[in-house]
Amino acid sequence: MALYTKAAEILEKVERKEGAVKTLVYESKFQNIKQLYALVCETQKYSSILQDIIISTKLLKETKLKMNLAKVLLYDFLIGQGLKCGGSWKAVMMKHRSRLQAALARMKVKKKVSRNRDLLPPGIRQASEDQLPRYVRVNTLKTTTEDVIDYFKREGFSYQGQATRLDDLRSLSRKTFLCDLHLPELLVFPPKMDFHAHFLYQAGHMVLQDKASCLPAYLLNPPPGAHVLDACAAPGNKTSQLAAIMGNKGKLVAFDLDAKRLSTMSTLLLRAGVTCQQLANQDFLKVDPESPEYRGVEYILLDPSCSGSGMVCLRDSSPAPPQEEEARLQALAAFQLRCLNHALRFPRLQRLVYSTCSVHKQENEEVVSAGLQQNEDFRLIPVLPSWPERGLEPLTQCLRASTTHTLTHGFFVALLERRPPGSEGAAVTQLPTTASSPEISVSDDNREAETVSLDQDAAEGNKGKKKKKRKGKTRQC
């Protein structure tokens, strides 16, 4: 019963915009995080269908259940693998079983489908059918790729070598795996392969991380001994990857304003064997780039709050009205540009990676274009020429990722580098903004502008609210 109570509680919080699903699930400290996360995501995916059944059968009136609790119970009862509880709730659902099953059957007949998943809206249906591979990043602070491969082979897995094309990742099944074609320390397994209880994961020898999420640290590639900032670090997978690239040598400062998220991150980094980190429970935008503590920073990974539109399980089946969504994206983009401009002020900065898990150009190419316009000392660097999906014209030096073209979550990555001394700064081509939205323009000195919290999960972001200038009030990031 605790599973359903907690799942309903998280759905309530999501509706009140108190956080993103993944953040709320991991902060819940529920014993079986994976089970809870799956239930919340699947219930959210089928939310409109479940609500129609609940309303048509008058289930709330008959049972006195609240809507979100009824949804999670009904999902497992009708669509999932059956209720995982006994007692009064199961008795209630069994009492109304015939009416509930009949309502689902009528819905299928009306829409002329035979499978539950075919009831989903097209966008959500496509997302549910995107069988993304299970990516495993080898933590080289504790082991080697070769040793992990040998370990899995001894467990009965069949190693297929290094992939040479994307279709190799699609052909994986059962206990087969291979090495990724772009990232040498990334192993690829069939979809839905579960390693949460595996010894190598629990001991920190491997990290369960989507391939697209591995790109920012991989492309930043700070050398051992470097001074590096991870400006929006929680939950810490990218931070641990940076530490591995650096060989635990140098200074790695990871910022997050949420003390609870920072505490969770500390545990993750400890398990991964990271020792070069310095965790800062601090507002990155309030850090003085000229201070003795940070003036030596050479590399920055900037992955600010975004719409989360590229995350498969967070795609909304009932998107906001166009005007409301546009206002939300513009608020996020203005905030992201402010973060980018601030990061580029560090005097010894050599390289910066800007990334989001968004598919919207307002948060991606338009932010980078505006940042380059306002910081002529920096230029875009072309990366991974073999990558199949590029940034929108004219910023093809950037990378995009998607479920269809790269078999990953949706992502965007840009690598910025300081121009060599004496080099001529060519004019930056600015990406045109959408006709319905103004160009992004935020001054670094405008510190009184109200904005969105940098430490929020990627799916959050001032939904439906226009950015307001209000003296003396700044939402910390």
Protein backbone atom coordinates (compact mmCIF):
# COMPACT_ATOMS: atom_id res chain seq x y z
CA MET A 1 0.00 0.00 0.00
CA ALA A 2 2.93 2.32 0.63
CA LEU A 3 3.87 2.11 -3.06
CA TYR A 4 0.52 3.52 -4.21
CA THR A 5 0.34 6.15 -1.49
CA LYS A 6 3.79 7.43 -2.38
CA ALA A 7 3.10 7.34 -6.13
CA ALA A 8 -0.11 9.34 -5.67
CA GLU A 9 1.73 11.83 -3.48
CA ILE A 10 4.39 12.37 -6.16
CA LEU A 11 1.76 12.86 -8.88
CA GLU A 12 0.11 15.51 -6.68
CA LYS A 13 3.44 17.34 -6.31
CA VAL A 14 4.10 17.16 -10.06
CA GLU A 15 0.71 18.72 -10.73
CA ARG A 16 1.55 21.54 -8.29
CA LYS A 17 4.87 22.08 -10.12
CA GLU A 18 6.84 21.28 -6.97
CA GLY A 19 9.42 19.28 -8.87
CA ALA A 20 10.07 16.86 -11.70
CA VAL A 21 9.16 13.19 -11.48
CA LYS A 22 12.69 11.85 -11.21
CA THR A 23 13.73 14.36 -8.57
CA LEU A 24 10.66 13.74 -6.44
CA VAL A 25 10.99 9.97 -6.69
CA TYR A 26 14.63 9.96 -5.60
CA GLU A 27 13.97 12.43 -2.79
CA SER A 28 11.15 10.22 -1.48
CA LYS A 29 13.67 7.73 -0.02
CA PHE A 30 11.27 4.95 -1.00
CA GLN A 31 12.79 1.49 -0.54
CA ASN A 32 12.28 0.40 -4.16
CA ILE A 33 13.06 3.51 -6.22
CA LYS A 34 12.93 1.72 -9.56
CA GLN A 35 9.47 0.29 -8.90
CA LEU A 36 8.11 3.64 -7.74
CA TYR A 37 9.61 5.53 -10.69
CA ALA A 38 8.15 3.06 -13.19
CA LEU A 39 4.67 3.26 -11.63
CA VAL A 40 4.63 7.06 -11.59
CA CYS A 41 5.91 7.37 -15.18
CA GLU A 42 3.47 4.79 -16.56
CA THR A 43 0.52 6.26 -14.67
CA GLN A 44 1.44 9.70 -15.95
CA LYS A 45 1.68 8.35 -19.50
CA TYR A 46 -1.83 6.85 -19.34
CA SER A 47 -3.22 9.68 -17.20
CA SER A 48 -5.89 10.97 -19.60
CA ILE A 49 -7.13 7.44 -20.34
CA LEU A 50 -7.30 6.51 -16.66
CA GLN A 51 -9.11 9.74 -15.85
CA ASP A 52 -11.74 9.09 -18.53
CA ILE A 53 -12.41 5.62 -17.08
CA ILE A 54 -12.59 6.98 -13.54
CA ILE A 55 -15.06 9.69 -14.55
CA SER A 56 -17.24 7.45 -16.72
CA THR A 57 -17.56 4.83 -13.97
CA LYS A 58 -17.98 7.42 -11.17
CA LEU A 59 -15.25 5.57 -9.30
CA LEU A 60 -14.36 8.44 -6.98
CA LYS A 61 -17.93 8.83 -5.79
CA GLU A 62 -18.30 5.09 -5.25
CA THR A 63 -14.99 4.57 -3.43
CA LYS A 64 -14.13 7.96 -1.85
CA LEU A 65 -10.66 7.65 -3.40
CA LYS A 66 -8.80 10.77 -4.51
CA MET A 67 -8.04 11.10 -8.23
CA ASN A 68 -4.29 10.39 -8.23
CA LEU A 69 -4.59 7.43 -5.87
CA ALA A 70 -7.37 6.05 -8.06
CA LYS A 71 -5.14 6.50 -11.12
CA VAL A 72 -2.16 4.55 -9.75
CA LEU A 73 -4.40 1.76 -8.47
CA LEU A 74 -6.33 1.61 -11.73
CA TYR A 75 -3.15 1.58 -13.83
CA ASP A 76 -1.77 -1.52 -12.13
CA PHE A 77 -5.22 -3.12 -11.95
CA LEU A 78 -6.15 -2.72 -15.63
CA ILE A 79 -2.93 -2.06 -17.56
CA GLY A 80 0.03 -3.01 -15.39
CA GLN A 81 0.95 -6.35 -13.89
CA GLY A 82 -1.78 -6.44 -11.27
CA LEU A 83 -2.18 -4.77 -7.88
CA LYS A 84 0.77 -5.28 -5.57
CA CYS A 85 -1.29 -4.91 -2.43
CA GLY A 86 -4.09 -6.62 -0.57
CA GLY A 87 -6.50 -5.22 1.98
CA SER A 88 -9.24 -2.66 1.42
CA TRP A 89 -7.87 -1.11 -1.78
CA LYS A 90 -7.69 -4.40 -3.62
CA ALA A 91 -11.16 -5.30 -2.35
CA VAL A 92 -12.50 -1.98 -3.67
CA MET A 93 -11.00 -2.49 -7.12
CA MET A 94 -12.20 -6.09 -7.29
CA LYS A 95 -15.73 -4.95 -6.36
CA HIS A 96 -15.82 -2.64 -9.38
CA ARG A 97 -13.76 -4.85 -11.69
CA SER A 98 -16.53 -5.59 -14.20
CA ARG A 99 -17.45 -1.92 -14.69
CA LEU A 100 -13.81 -0.85 -14.98
CA GLN A 101 -12.90 -3.55 -17.49
CA ALA A 102 -16.03 -2.78 -19.50
CA ALA A 103 -15.13 0.92 -19.63
CA LEU A 104 -11.67 0.08 -20.95
CA ALA A 105 -13.14 -2.29 -23.53
CA ARG A 106 -15.63 0.34 -24.73
CA MET A 107 -12.79 2.82 -25.13
CA LYS A 108 -10.85 0.37 -27.33
CA VAL A 109 -13.91 -0.33 -29.47
CA LYS A 110 -14.59 3.37 -29.90
CA LYS A 111 -11.01 4.05 -31.03
CA LYS A 112 -10.85 0.82 -33.05
CA VAL A 113 -7.75 -0.55 -31.32
CA SER A 114 -6.97 -3.82 -29.60
CA ARG A 115 -3.93 -2.95 -27.47
CA ASN A 116 -3.80 -0.68 -24.44
CA ARG A 117 -0.82 1.28 -25.76
CA ASP A 118 -2.73 2.11 -28.95
CA LEU A 119 -5.05 4.23 -26.81
CA LEU A 120 -2.21 6.64 -26.14
CA PRO A 121 -1.94 9.92 -28.09
CA PRO A 122 0.45 9.56 -31.08
CA GLY A 123 3.35 11.44 -29.47
CA ILE A 124 3.16 9.47 -26.24
CA ARG A 125 2.66 6.20 -28.13
CA GLN A 126 5.81 6.81 -30.15
CA ALA A 127 7.76 7.56 -26.98
CA SER A 128 6.56 4.35 -25.34
CA GLU A 129 7.57 2.35 -28.41
CA ASP A 130 11.04 3.88 -28.52
CA GLN A 131 12.98 0.96 -27.11
CA LEU A 132 16.15 2.73 -26.08
CA PRO A 133 19.16 0.52 -25.35
CA ARG A 134 20.48 0.24 -21.81
CA TYR A 135 23.69 2.24 -21.66
CA VAL A 136 26.34 1.46 -19.04
CA ARG A 137 29.28 3.80 -18.52
CA VAL A 138 32.37 2.11 -17.14
CA ASN A 139 33.79 4.04 -14.18
CA THR A 140 37.51 4.11 -14.96
CA LEU A 141 38.28 5.41 -11.46
CA LYS A 142 37.65 1.88 -10.20
CA THR A 143 38.09 -0.47 -13.15
CA THR A 144 38.70 -0.74 -16.88
CA THR A 145 36.39 -1.36 -19.81
CA GLU A 146 38.19 -4.62 -20.55
CA ASP A 147 37.68 -5.92 -17.01
CA VAL A 148 33.97 -5.08 -17.05
CA ILE A 149 33.56 -6.82 -20.40
CA ASP A 150 35.31 -9.91 -19.02
CA TYR A 151 33.10 -9.83 -15.92
CA PHE A 152 29.92 -9.86 -18.00
CA LYS A 153 31.28 -12.60 -20.26
CA ARG A 154 31.87 -14.76 -17.18
CA GLU A 155 28.23 -14.14 -16.24
CA GLY A 156 27.08 -15.62 -19.54
CA PHE A 157 26.74 -12.47 -21.63
CA SER A 158 27.85 -12.56 -25.25
CA TYR A 159 30.15 -9.67 -26.23
CA GLN A 160 29.64 -8.55 -29.84
CA GLY A 161 32.68 -6.24 -30.08
CA GLN A 162 32.54 -2.54 -30.94
CA ALA A 163 29.57 -1.23 -32.87
CA THR A 164 30.29 0.17 -36.33
CA ARG A 165 26.85 1.59 -37.08
CA LEU A 166 23.70 2.60 -35.24
CA ASP A 167 21.79 -0.45 -36.46
CA ASP A 168 24.15 -2.64 -34.41
CA LEU A 169 22.55 -1.15 -31.28
CA ARG A 170 19.07 -2.01 -32.54
CA SER A 171 19.93 -5.66 -33.08
CA LEU A 172 20.81 -6.42 -29.44
CA SER A 173 18.68 -9.01 -27.67
CA ARG A 174 18.74 -11.12 -24.55
CA LYS A 175 22.24 -11.36 -23.04
CA THR A 176 24.20 -9.71 -25.83
CA PHE A 177 26.11 -6.45 -25.53
CA LEU A 178 28.69 -4.37 -27.35
CA CYS A 179 30.92 -1.34 -27.03
CA ASP A 180 29.46 1.94 -28.27
CA LEU A 181 30.58 3.30 -31.63
CA HIS A 182 31.23 6.84 -30.34
CA LEU A 183 32.15 6.61 -26.64
CA PRO A 184 34.82 3.99 -25.85
CA GLU A 185 33.88 3.60 -22.17
CA LEU A 186 30.18 3.04 -22.86
CA LEU A 187 28.72 -0.46 -23.08
CA VAL A 188 25.35 -1.04 -24.73
CA PHE A 189 22.83 -3.70 -23.68
CA PRO A 190 19.30 -4.59 -24.88
CA PRO A 191 16.43 -2.32 -23.78
CA LYS A 192 14.99 -2.74 -20.27
CA MET A 193 18.02 -4.68 -19.05
CA ASP A 194 18.03 -4.00 -15.29
CA PHE A 195 21.36 -3.59 -13.49
CA HIS A 196 20.24 -1.76 -10.33
CA ALA A 197 20.91 -4.85 -8.21
CA HIS A 198 24.12 -5.81 -10.04
CA PHE A 199 27.35 -5.90 -8.02
CA LEU A 200 29.26 -3.69 -10.47
CA TYR A 201 26.61 -0.96 -10.21
CA GLN A 202 26.28 -1.11 -6.43
CA ALA A 203 30.07 -1.07 -6.04
CA GLY A 204 30.43 1.97 -8.28
CA HIS A 205 32.31 0.18 -11.07
CA MET A 206 29.67 1.18 -13.60
CA VAL A 207 27.13 3.99 -13.93
CA LEU A 208 23.70 3.69 -15.54
CA GLN A 209 23.65 6.79 -17.72
CA ASP A 210 22.02 7.55 -21.06
CA LYS A 211 24.47 7.97 -23.91
CA ALA A 212 23.38 11.55 -24.64
CA SER A 213 23.98 12.48 -21.01
CA CYS A 214 27.57 11.22 -21.34
CA LEU A 215 28.35 13.59 -24.23
CA PRO A 216 28.89 16.89 -22.30
CA ALA A 217 31.72 15.63 -20.07
CA TYR A 218 33.20 13.53 -22.88
CA LEU A 219 33.38 16.55 -25.19
CA LEU A 220 34.65 18.95 -22.52
CA ASN A 221 37.48 16.46 -21.88
CA PRO A 222 39.40 18.30 -19.13
CA PRO A 223 42.96 16.97 -18.68
CA PRO A 224 44.34 15.70 -15.36
CA GLY A 225 45.23 18.61 -13.09
CA ALA A 226 42.68 21.00 -14.61
CA HIS A 227 40.46 23.39 -12.67
CA VAL A 228 36.87 22.52 -13.60
CA LEU A 229 33.39 23.75 -12.64
CA ASP A 230 30.20 21.71 -12.94
CA ALA A 231 27.71 24.57 -12.68
CA CYS A 232 24.55 22.49 -12.20
CA ALA A 233 25.84 19.22 -10.88
CA ALA A 234 23.11 17.15 -9.19
CA PRO A 235 22.46 14.26 -9.35
CA GLY A 236 26.18 13.82 -10.11
CA ASN A 237 26.63 11.39 -13.01
CA LYS A 238 28.32 14.03 -15.18
CA THR A 239 30.46 15.10 -12.21
CA SER A 240 31.70 11.56 -11.64
CA GLN A 241 32.41 11.26 -15.37
CA LEU A 242 34.47 14.48 -15.30
CA ALA A 243 36.45 13.13 -12.34
CA ALA A 244 37.14 9.91 -14.25
CA ILE A 245 38.34 11.84 -17.30
CA MET A 246 40.63 13.88 -15.03
CA GLY A 247 41.89 10.75 -13.31
CA ASN A 248 40.93 12.30 -9.96
CA LYS A 249 43.73 14.82 -10.46
CA GLY A 250 42.93 18.52 -10.32
CA LYS A 251 40.11 20.56 -8.81
CA LEU A 252 36.48 19.83 -9.63
CA VAL A 253 33.91 22.16 -8.06
CA ALA A 254 30.29 21.01 -8.28
CA PHE A 255 27.49 23.50 -7.56
CA ASP A 256 23.94 22.86 -6.43
CA LEU A 257 21.71 25.09 -4.34
CA ASP A 258 19.57 22.25 -2.95
CA ALA A 259 21.25 20.75 0.13
CA LYS A 260 19.30 17.48 -0.16
CA ARG A 261 20.32 16.98 -3.78
CA LEU A 262 23.89 17.79 -2.86
CA SER A 263 23.80 15.20 -0.08
CA THR A 264 22.52 12.55 -2.51
CA MET A 265 25.22 13.56 -4.94
CA SER A 266 27.88 13.22 -2.26
CA THR A 267 26.84 9.61 -1.69
CA LEU A 268 26.97 8.89 -5.44
CA LEU A 269 30.45 10.40 -5.79
CA LEU A 270 31.70 8.47 -2.77
CA ARG A 271 30.49 5.22 -4.32
CA ALA A 272 32.18 6.16 -7.60
CA GLY A 273 35.52 6.76 -5.86
CA VAL A 274 35.68 10.48 -6.67
CA THR A 275 38.21 12.34 -4.50
CA CYS A 276 39.03 15.54 -6.43
CA GLN A 277 35.60 17.13 -5.93
CA GLN A 278 34.59 20.15 -3.91
CA LEU A 279 30.83 20.36 -3.38
CA ALA A 280 29.45 23.88 -3.18
CA ASN A 281 25.97 24.45 -1.73
CA GLN A 282 25.97 27.84 -3.44
CA ASP A 283 24.31 29.95 -6.12
CA PHE A 284 26.53 29.68 -9.22
CA LEU A 285 25.30 33.04 -10.51
CA LYS A 286 26.59 34.73 -7.35
CA VAL A 287 30.10 33.33 -7.73
CA ASP A 288 32.65 36.05 -8.50
CA PRO A 289 34.72 34.88 -11.50
CA GLU A 290 37.52 37.23 -10.46
CA SER A 291 37.79 35.84 -6.91
CA PRO A 292 41.05 34.05 -6.03
CA GLU A 293 39.11 30.80 -5.53
CA TYR A 294 37.71 30.71 -9.05
CA ARG A 295 39.84 32.91 -11.27
CA GLY A 296 41.90 29.86 -12.30
CA VAL A 297 38.89 27.96 -13.70
CA GLU A 298 39.73 26.59 -17.17
CA TYR A 299 36.77 24.32 -18.00
CA ILE A 300 33.04 24.64 -17.27
CA LEU A 301 30.22 22.20 -17.83
CA LEU A 302 26.94 24.15 -17.95
CA ASP A 303 23.79 22.03 -18.01
CA PRO A 304 21.12 24.46 -16.71
CA SER A 305 17.45 23.89 -15.97
CA CYS A 306 15.46 23.33 -19.13
CA SER A 307 12.05 22.15 -20.29
CA GLY A 308 13.12 18.48 -20.23
CA SER A 309 11.28 18.01 -23.53
CA GLY A 310 13.84 15.46 -24.71
CA MET A 311 13.30 13.05 -21.82
CA VAL A 312 11.11 10.20 -23.02
CA CYS A 313 9.24 9.56 -19.78
CA LEU A 314 8.56 13.28 -19.24
CA ARG A 315 6.82 13.99 -22.55
CA ASP A 316 3.49 15.53 -21.70
CA SER A 317 0.35 13.97 -23.19
CA SER A 318 -1.54 17.24 -22.58
CA PRO A 319 0.83 20.07 -23.52
CA ALA A 320 0.16 23.64 -22.45
CA PRO A 321 -1.54 26.09 -24.83
CA PRO A 322 0.91 27.53 -27.41
CA GLN A 323 1.08 31.00 -25.86
CA GLU A 324 1.67 29.58 -22.39
CA GLU A 325 4.32 27.18 -23.65
CA GLU A 326 6.07 29.95 -25.59
CA ALA A 327 6.16 32.15 -22.49
CA ARG A 328 7.65 29.28 -20.51
CA LEU A 329 10.34 28.61 -23.11
CA GLN A 330 11.26 32.28 -23.33
CA ALA A 331 11.61 32.49 -19.54
CA LEU A 332 13.86 29.44 -19.55
CA ALA A 333 15.92 30.69 -22.51
CA ALA A 334 16.51 34.08 -20.89
CA PHE A 335 17.69 32.34 -17.73
CA GLN A 336 19.92 29.92 -19.67
CA LEU A 337 21.54 32.81 -21.54
CA ARG A 338 22.20 34.59 -18.27
CA CYS A 339 23.94 31.46 -16.96
CA LEU A 340 25.98 31.14 -20.16
CA ASN A 341 27.07 34.80 -20.09
CA HIS A 342 28.07 34.47 -16.45
CA ALA A 343 30.09 31.32 -17.12
CA LEU A 344 31.96 32.97 -19.99
CA ARG A 345 33.17 35.74 -17.65
CA PHE A 346 35.72 33.49 -15.91
CA PRO A 347 39.02 35.09 -16.99
CA ARG A 348 41.04 31.92 -17.62
CA LEU A 349 38.24 29.84 -19.07
CA GLN A 350 39.40 27.90 -22.11
CA ARG A 351 36.48 25.60 -22.89
CA LEU A 352 32.81 25.40 -21.98
CA VAL A 353 30.17 22.84 -22.83
CA TYR A 354 26.57 24.03 -22.89
CA SER A 355 23.97 21.27 -22.86
CA THR A 356 20.26 20.69 -22.30
CA CYS A 357 17.86 17.77 -22.47
CA SER A 358 15.51 19.91 -24.54
CA VAL A 359 14.48 19.67 -28.19
CA HIS A 360 13.47 23.34 -28.50
CA LYS A 361 15.71 25.69 -30.47
CA GLN A 362 14.78 28.53 -28.09
CA GLU A 363 16.74 26.75 -25.34
CA ASN A 364 19.49 25.46 -27.61
CA GLU A 365 20.72 27.13 -30.79
CA GLU A 366 19.13 30.50 -29.96
CA VAL A 367 20.82 30.62 -26.53
CA VAL A 368 24.21 29.68 -27.96
CA SER A 369 23.85 32.14 -30.85
CA ALA A 370 22.99 34.99 -28.47
CA GLY A 371 25.85 34.00 -26.14
CA LEU A 372 28.36 34.11 -28.98
CA GLN A 373 27.03 37.49 -30.10
CA GLN A 374 27.61 38.87 -26.60
CA ASN A 375 30.97 37.15 -26.01
CA GLU A 376 33.11 37.60 -29.11
CA ASP A 377 36.18 36.10 -27.40
CA PHE A 378 34.60 32.66 -27.81
CA ARG A 379 33.79 30.51 -30.83
CA LEU A 380 31.99 27.25 -31.55
CA ILE A 381 34.13 24.14 -32.05
CA PRO A 382 32.88 21.36 -34.39
CA VAL A 383 32.64 18.05 -32.53
CA LEU A 384 32.13 14.39 -33.46
CA PRO A 385 31.85 14.75 -37.26
CA SER A 386 30.43 11.22 -37.48
CA TRP A 387 27.51 12.07 -35.19
CA PRO A 388 24.31 11.61 -37.23
CA GLU A 389 22.26 14.54 -35.91
CA ARG A 390 23.59 18.11 -35.99
CA GLY A 391 22.47 21.46 -34.63
CA LEU A 392 20.02 23.51 -36.64
CA GLU A 393 21.47 25.72 -39.37
CA PRO A 394 23.73 27.61 -39.16
CA LEU A 395 25.01 26.06 -35.91
CA THR A 396 25.85 22.65 -37.34
CA GLN A 397 28.98 22.50 -35.16
CA CYS A 398 26.61 21.58 -32.31
CA LEU A 399 25.10 18.16 -31.66
CA ARG A 400 21.51 17.10 -31.25
CA ALA A 401 20.32 13.72 -30.04
CA SER A 402 16.96 11.98 -30.31
CA THR A 403 15.25 8.64 -29.92
CA THR A 404 14.92 8.22 -33.69
CA HIS A 405 18.31 9.38 -34.99
CA THR A 406 20.72 8.44 -32.16
CA LEU A 407 18.75 5.97 -29.99
CA THR A 408 19.05 8.22 -26.94
CA HIS A 409 16.96 10.72 -25.06
CA GLY A 410 16.62 14.11 -26.71
CA PHE A 411 19.67 16.28 -26.04
CA PHE A 412 21.67 19.27 -27.27
CA VAL A 413 25.41 19.93 -26.82
CA ALA A 414 27.59 22.85 -27.87
CA LEU A 415 31.33 23.23 -27.26
CA LEU A 416 32.64 26.80 -26.92
CA GLU A 417 36.34 27.65 -26.90
CA ARG A 418 38.19 30.90 -26.22
CA ARG A 419 39.74 32.34 -29.36
CA PRO A 420 43.55 32.17 -29.48
CA PRO A 421 45.27 35.50 -28.68
CA GLY A 422 45.61 37.67 -31.78
CA SER A 423 43.07 35.72 -33.81
CA GLU A 424 40.49 37.72 -35.70
CA GLY A 425 36.98 37.29 -34.41
CA ALA A 426 34.77 36.50 -37.35
CA ALA A 427 31.22 37.73 -37.16
CA VAL A 428 28.89 35.26 -35.49
CA THR A 429 25.90 34.21 -37.54
CA GLN A 430 22.85 34.62 -35.36
CA LEU A 431 20.11 32.03 -35.55
CA PRO A 432 16.77 33.71 -36.33
CA THR A 433 14.29 33.47 -33.49
CA THR A 434 10.72 32.38 -34.03
CA ALA A 435 8.37 35.00 -35.40
CA SER A 436 6.19 34.82 -32.32
CA SER A 437 9.00 35.31 -29.81
CA PRO A 438 11.38 38.22 -29.19
CA GLU A 439 15.13 37.84 -29.50
CA ILE A 440 16.86 36.75 -26.30
CA SER A 441 18.60 39.67 -24.68
CA VAL A 442 19.73 39.56 -21.07
CA SER A 443 22.54 41.69 -19.66
CA ASP A 444 25.00 40.18 -17.22
CA ASP A 445 24.53 43.25 -15.08
CA ASN A 446 20.79 42.77 -14.83
CA ARG A 447 20.98 40.79 -11.61
CA GLU A 448 17.57 41.96 -10.44
CA ALA A 449 15.67 40.05 -13.11
CA GLU A 450 13.45 37.34 -11.70
CA THR A 451 14.41 33.96 -13.17
CA VAL A 452 14.17 30.21 -12.73
CA SER A 453 16.14 28.10 -10.26
CA LEU A 454 19.26 26.53 -11.78
CA ASP A 455 19.14 23.58 -9.40
CA GLN A 456 15.65 22.55 -10.45
CA ASP A 457 15.32 19.31 -12.38
CA ALA A 458 15.46 19.64 -16.14
CA ALA A 459 11.72 19.18 -16.55
CA GLU A 460 10.78 22.24 -14.52
CA GLY A 461 10.70 25.83 -15.57
CA ASN A 462 8.30 28.64 -14.67
CA LYS A 463 5.55 27.13 -16.80
CA GLY A 464 3.16 29.66 -18.21
CA LYS A 465 4.72 32.66 -16.48
CA LYS A 466 6.39 35.53 -18.23
CA LYS A 467 9.65 36.79 -16.84
CA LYS A 468 9.08 39.79 -14.58
CA LYS A 469 11.56 42.43 -13.57
CA ARG A 470 11.11 43.20 -9.92
CA LYS A 471 13.72 45.08 -8.02
CA GLY A 472 15.34 43.24 -5.17
CA LYS A 473 13.82 39.84 -5.99
CA THR A 474 15.94 37.19 -7.67
CA ARG A 475 15.25 33.49 -7.72
CA GLN A 476 18.54 31.86 -6.91
CA CYS A 477 19.98 29.34 -9.28
